Every structure is written in C-alpha cells, then in structure tokens.
C-alpha cells in the first residue's frame, strides 16, 4: 500500500510538471477504501489489546512495549492518511494550481481541520 501510494505521489508531481490536470485529479480523488481502513484499525487494536494484556515483570518494560506499539500504529495510520491528501499532508505536492485543488474532490484530514480550528481560536482577538 505504501509503495503504490508513493508511486501515486510521483505520478501527481509529474502531472503538475507537465500540466496534466485530468491525471492529477484522477489520482488525487483516489483514497484508501473504508474496508481497508477498518481492517488496519481492527488489526492494530487487537494487537495493542494483546500487548496490553501481557504480564510484564517490570512496569517500565510494559509501558515501553505498549507505547512503542501504539506509536508505530499511529504513525502508519498518519502515513496512510497523508497519501489520501496530496495537498495538505506531509508529502505536499507544491505548485498545484488552486483551480485543480478546488475541482478535485478531496477532504482534509480530521486532525488537520482540528488544528486549523484550534489555531484560529487561539489567534482570534
């Protein structure tokens, strides 16, 4: 999934360079399917519950195991979400005309919308 996502990012960058709006919009509108997200989320939760339920002799070993596993799953989830949002994610494609972004049917991630709302609240007079 990550390999195909990075290939899509390369194709969209090329489409921007050669001014191929149709290819950019076609790839930008693709997203990870809901069943695939459900499988990833459920698998991650099952593994985390299993790791939490293990008996650890030392408290810090258990805390480290649970935290590091949670961190890896959260990181994977964010990488997948970034591939679904080529304009606002970590791997931002620069130089995309604003008309293309408006025309593409993409949604900003919930976390990005939350942080934008939070920053607007903090900076508002």
C-alpha atoms as a PDB file:
ATOM      1  CA  UNK A   1       0.000   0.000   0.000  1.00  0.00           C
ATOM      2  CA  UNK A   2       2.810   2.406   0.856  1.00  0.00           C
ATOM      3  CA  UNK A   3       4.609   1.585  -2.396  1.00  0.00           C
ATOM      4  CA  UNK A   4       1.513   2.276  -4.501  1.00  0.00           C
ATOM      5  CA  UNK A   5       0.872   5.463  -2.513  1.00  0.00           C
ATOM      6  CA  UNK A   6       4.361   6.780  -3.142  1.00  0.00           C
ATOM      7  CA  UNK A   7       4.030   5.875  -6.824  1.00  0.00           C
ATOM      8  CA  UNK A   8       0.797   7.885  -6.976  1.00  0.00           C
ATOM      9  CA  UNK A   9       2.555  10.862  -5.391  1.00  0.00           C
ATOM     10  CA  UNK A  10       5.275  10.671  -8.065  1.00  0.00           C
ATOM     11  CA  UNK A  11       2.628  10.489 -10.816  1.00  0.00           C
ATOM     12  CA  UNK A  12       0.799  13.518  -9.417  1.00  0.00           C
ATOM     13  CA  UNK A  13       4.043  15.514  -9.220  1.00  0.00           C
ATOM     14  CA  UNK A  14       4.720  14.626 -12.847  1.00  0.00           C
ATOM     15  CA  UNK A  15       1.164  15.630 -13.808  1.00  0.00           C
ATOM     16  CA  UNK A  16       1.699  19.037 -12.192  1.00  0.00           C
ATOM     17  CA  UNK A  17       5.007  19.492 -14.044  1.00  0.00           C
ATOM     18  CA  UNK A  18       3.503  18.640 -17.449  1.00  0.00           C
ATOM     19  CA  UNK A  19       0.221  20.480 -16.733  1.00  0.00           C
ATOM     20  CA  UNK A  20      -1.947  17.328 -16.916  1.00  0.00           C
ATOM     21  CA  UNK A  21      -4.970  18.304 -14.839  1.00  0.00           C
ATOM     22  CA  UNK A  22      -7.033  15.183 -15.621  1.00  0.00           C
ATOM     23  CA  UNK A  23      -4.355  12.776 -14.365  1.00  0.00           C
ATOM     24  CA  UNK A  24      -3.777  14.812 -11.211  1.00  0.00           C
ATOM     25  CA  UNK A  25      -7.482  14.930 -10.319  1.00  0.00           C
ATOM     26  CA  UNK A  26      -7.982  11.241 -11.111  1.00  0.00           C
ATOM     27  CA  UNK A  27      -5.192  10.169  -8.766  1.00  0.00           C
ATOM     28  CA  UNK A  28      -5.933  12.810  -6.091  1.00  0.00           C
ATOM     29  CA  UNK A  29      -9.536  11.642  -5.746  1.00  0.00           C
ATOM     30  CA  UNK A  30      -8.484   8.042  -5.051  1.00  0.00           C
ATOM     31  CA  UNK A  31      -8.356   7.194  -1.380  1.00  0.00           C
ATOM     32  CA  UNK A  32      -7.853   4.206   0.862  1.00  0.00           C
ATOM     33  CA  UNK A  33     -11.071   2.232   0.966  1.00  0.00           C
ATOM     34  CA  UNK A  34     -13.198   2.083   4.110  1.00  0.00           C
ATOM     35  CA  UNK A  35     -12.882  -1.734   4.402  1.00  0.00           C
ATOM     36  CA  UNK A  36      -9.086  -1.467   4.197  1.00  0.00           C
ATOM     37  CA  UNK A  37      -9.051   1.214   6.894  1.00  0.00           C
ATOM     38  CA  UNK A  38     -11.342  -0.949   9.037  1.00  0.00           C
ATOM     39  CA  UNK A  39      -9.032  -3.947   8.657  1.00  0.00           C
ATOM     40  CA  UNK A  40      -5.966  -1.868   9.572  1.00  0.00           C
ATOM     41  CA  UNK A  41      -7.713  -0.236  12.540  1.00  0.00           C
ATOM     42  CA  UNK A  42      -9.121  -3.514  13.856  1.00  0.00           C
ATOM     43  CA  UNK A  43      -5.836  -5.382  13.458  1.00  0.00           C
ATOM     44  CA  UNK A  44      -3.957  -2.611  15.218  1.00  0.00           C
ATOM     45  CA  UNK A  45      -6.428  -2.552  18.096  1.00  0.00           C
ATOM     46  CA  UNK A  46      -6.304  -6.335  18.517  1.00  0.00           C
ATOM     47  CA  UNK A  47      -2.509  -6.296  18.633  1.00  0.00           C
ATOM     48  CA  UNK A  48      -2.488  -3.389  21.100  1.00  0.00           C
ATOM     49  CA  UNK A  49      -5.027  -5.106  23.364  1.00  0.00           C
ATOM     50  CA  UNK A  50      -2.918  -8.259  23.259  1.00  0.00           C
ATOM     51  CA  UNK A  51       0.236  -6.306  24.126  1.00  0.00           C
ATOM     52  CA  UNK A  52      -1.554  -4.503  26.977  1.00  0.00           C
ATOM     53  CA  UNK A  53      -2.878  -7.785  28.383  1.00  0.00           C
ATOM     54  CA  UNK A  54       0.553  -9.413  28.663  1.00  0.00           C
ATOM     55  CA  UNK A  55       2.046  -9.776  32.124  1.00  0.00           C
ATOM     56  CA  UNK A  56       5.186  -7.687  32.425  1.00  0.00           C
ATOM     57  CA  UNK A  57       7.618  -8.353  35.260  1.00  0.00           C
ATOM     58  CA  UNK A  58       8.845  -4.767  35.170  1.00  0.00           C
ATOM     59  CA  UNK A  59       6.420  -1.862  34.837  1.00  0.00           C
ATOM     60  CA  UNK A  60       8.683   0.154  32.532  1.00  0.00           C
ATOM     61  CA  UNK A  61       9.054  -2.747  30.104  1.00  0.00           C
ATOM     62  CA  UNK A  62       5.286  -2.938  29.742  1.00  0.00           C
ATOM     63  CA  UNK A  63       4.933   0.810  29.384  1.00  0.00           C
ATOM     64  CA  UNK A  64       7.658   0.889  26.744  1.00  0.00           C
ATOM     65  CA  UNK A  65       6.108  -2.002  24.808  1.00  0.00           C
ATOM     66  CA  UNK A  66       2.617  -0.522  24.820  1.00  0.00           C
ATOM     67  CA  UNK A  67       3.781   3.000  23.994  1.00  0.00           C
ATOM     68  CA  UNK A  68       6.117   1.969  21.182  1.00  0.00           C
ATOM     69  CA  UNK A  69       3.474  -0.309  19.625  1.00  0.00           C
ATOM     70  CA  UNK A  70       0.854   2.428  19.857  1.00  0.00           C
ATOM     71  CA  UNK A  71       3.293   4.914  18.309  1.00  0.00           C
ATOM     72  CA  UNK A  72       4.064   2.631  15.345  1.00  0.00           C
ATOM     73  CA  UNK A  73       0.373   2.061  14.614  1.00  0.00           C
ATOM     74  CA  UNK A  74      -0.400   5.779  14.891  1.00  0.00           C
ATOM     75  CA  UNK A  75       2.497   6.554  12.553  1.00  0.00           C
ATOM     76  CA  UNK A  76       1.274   4.027   9.977  1.00  0.00           C
ATOM     77  CA  UNK A  77      -2.234   5.489  10.216  1.00  0.00           C
ATOM     78  CA  UNK A  78      -0.905   9.013   9.627  1.00  0.00           C
ATOM     79  CA  UNK A  79       1.196   7.913   6.641  1.00  0.00           C
ATOM     80  CA  UNK A  80      -1.863   6.316   5.057  1.00  0.00           C
ATOM     81  CA  UNK A  81      -3.893   9.472   5.726  1.00  0.00           C
ATOM     82  CA  UNK A  82      -1.144  11.574   4.149  1.00  0.00           C
ATOM     83  CA  UNK A  83      -1.286   9.553   0.953  1.00  0.00           C
ATOM     84  CA  UNK A  84      -5.018  10.296   0.768  1.00  0.00           C
ATOM     85  CA  UNK A  85      -4.430  14.070   0.957  1.00  0.00           C
ATOM     86  CA  UNK A  86      -1.718  15.088  -1.527  1.00  0.00           C
ATOM     87  CA  UNK A  87      -2.193  18.810  -0.972  1.00  0.00           C
ATOM     88  CA  UNK A  88      -2.335  19.137   2.837  1.00  0.00           C
ATOM     89  CA  UNK A  89      -0.357  16.124   4.050  1.00  0.00           C
ATOM     90  CA  UNK A  90       3.303  15.677   4.949  1.00  0.00           C
ATOM     91  CA  UNK A  91       4.210  14.842   1.360  1.00  0.00           C
ATOM     92  CA  UNK A  92       2.738  18.003  -0.081  1.00  0.00           C
ATOM     93  CA  UNK A  93       2.854  18.432  -3.817  1.00  0.00           C
ATOM     94  CA  UNK A  94       3.961  22.000  -4.426  1.00  0.00           C
ATOM     95  CA  UNK A  95       2.850  24.131  -7.327  1.00  0.00           C
ATOM     96  CA  UNK A  96      -0.617  22.656  -7.764  1.00  0.00           C
ATOM     97  CA  UNK A  97      -2.917  25.316  -9.271  1.00  0.00           C
ATOM     98  CA  UNK A  98      -5.710  26.333  -6.886  1.00  0.00           C
ATOM     99  CA  UNK A  99      -8.334  25.565  -9.536  1.00  0.00           C
ATOM    100  CA  UNK A 100      -7.181  21.933  -9.600  1.00  0.00           C
ATOM    101  CA  UNK A 101      -7.398  21.672  -5.807  1.00  0.00           C
ATOM    102  CA  UNK A 102     -10.924  23.117  -5.800  1.00  0.00           C
ATOM    103  CA  UNK A 103     -12.006  20.803  -8.610  1.00  0.00           C
ATOM    104  CA  UNK A 104     -10.543  17.666  -7.026  1.00  0.00           C
ATOM    105  CA  UNK A 105     -12.944  16.032  -4.603  1.00  0.00           C
ATOM    106  CA  UNK A 106     -10.527  15.589  -1.689  1.00  0.00           C
ATOM    107  CA  UNK A 107     -11.139  16.090   2.007  1.00  0.00           C
ATOM    108  CA  UNK A 108      -8.691  17.415   4.523  1.00  0.00           C
ATOM    109  CA  UNK A 109      -7.885  15.071   7.397  1.00  0.00           C
ATOM    110  CA  UNK A 110      -9.791  15.450  10.639  1.00  0.00           C
ATOM    111  CA  UNK A 111      -6.583  16.158  12.546  1.00  0.00           C
ATOM    112  CA  UNK A 112      -5.646  18.959  10.123  1.00  0.00           C
ATOM    113  CA  UNK A 113      -9.116  20.503  10.356  1.00  0.00           C
ATOM    114  CA  UNK A 114      -8.948  20.316  14.168  1.00  0.00           C
ATOM    115  CA  UNK A 115      -5.565  22.036  14.336  1.00  0.00           C
ATOM    116  CA  UNK A 116      -6.711  24.748  11.921  1.00  0.00           C
ATOM    117  CA  UNK A 117      -9.781  25.334  14.113  1.00  0.00           C
ATOM    118  CA  UNK A 118      -7.634  25.377  17.266  1.00  0.00           C
ATOM    119  CA  UNK A 119      -5.129  27.838  15.801  1.00  0.00           C
ATOM    120  CA  UNK A 120      -7.969  30.076  14.597  1.00  0.00           C
ATOM    121  CA  UNK A 121      -9.430  30.083  18.124  1.00  0.00           C
ATOM    122  CA  UNK A 122      -6.084  30.888  19.715  1.00  0.00           C
ATOM    123  CA  UNK A 123      -5.181  33.679  17.307  1.00  0.00           C
ATOM    124  CA  UNK A 124      -8.660  35.244  17.197  1.00  0.00           C
ATOM    125  CA  UNK A 125      -8.921  38.521  19.155  1.00  0.00           C
END
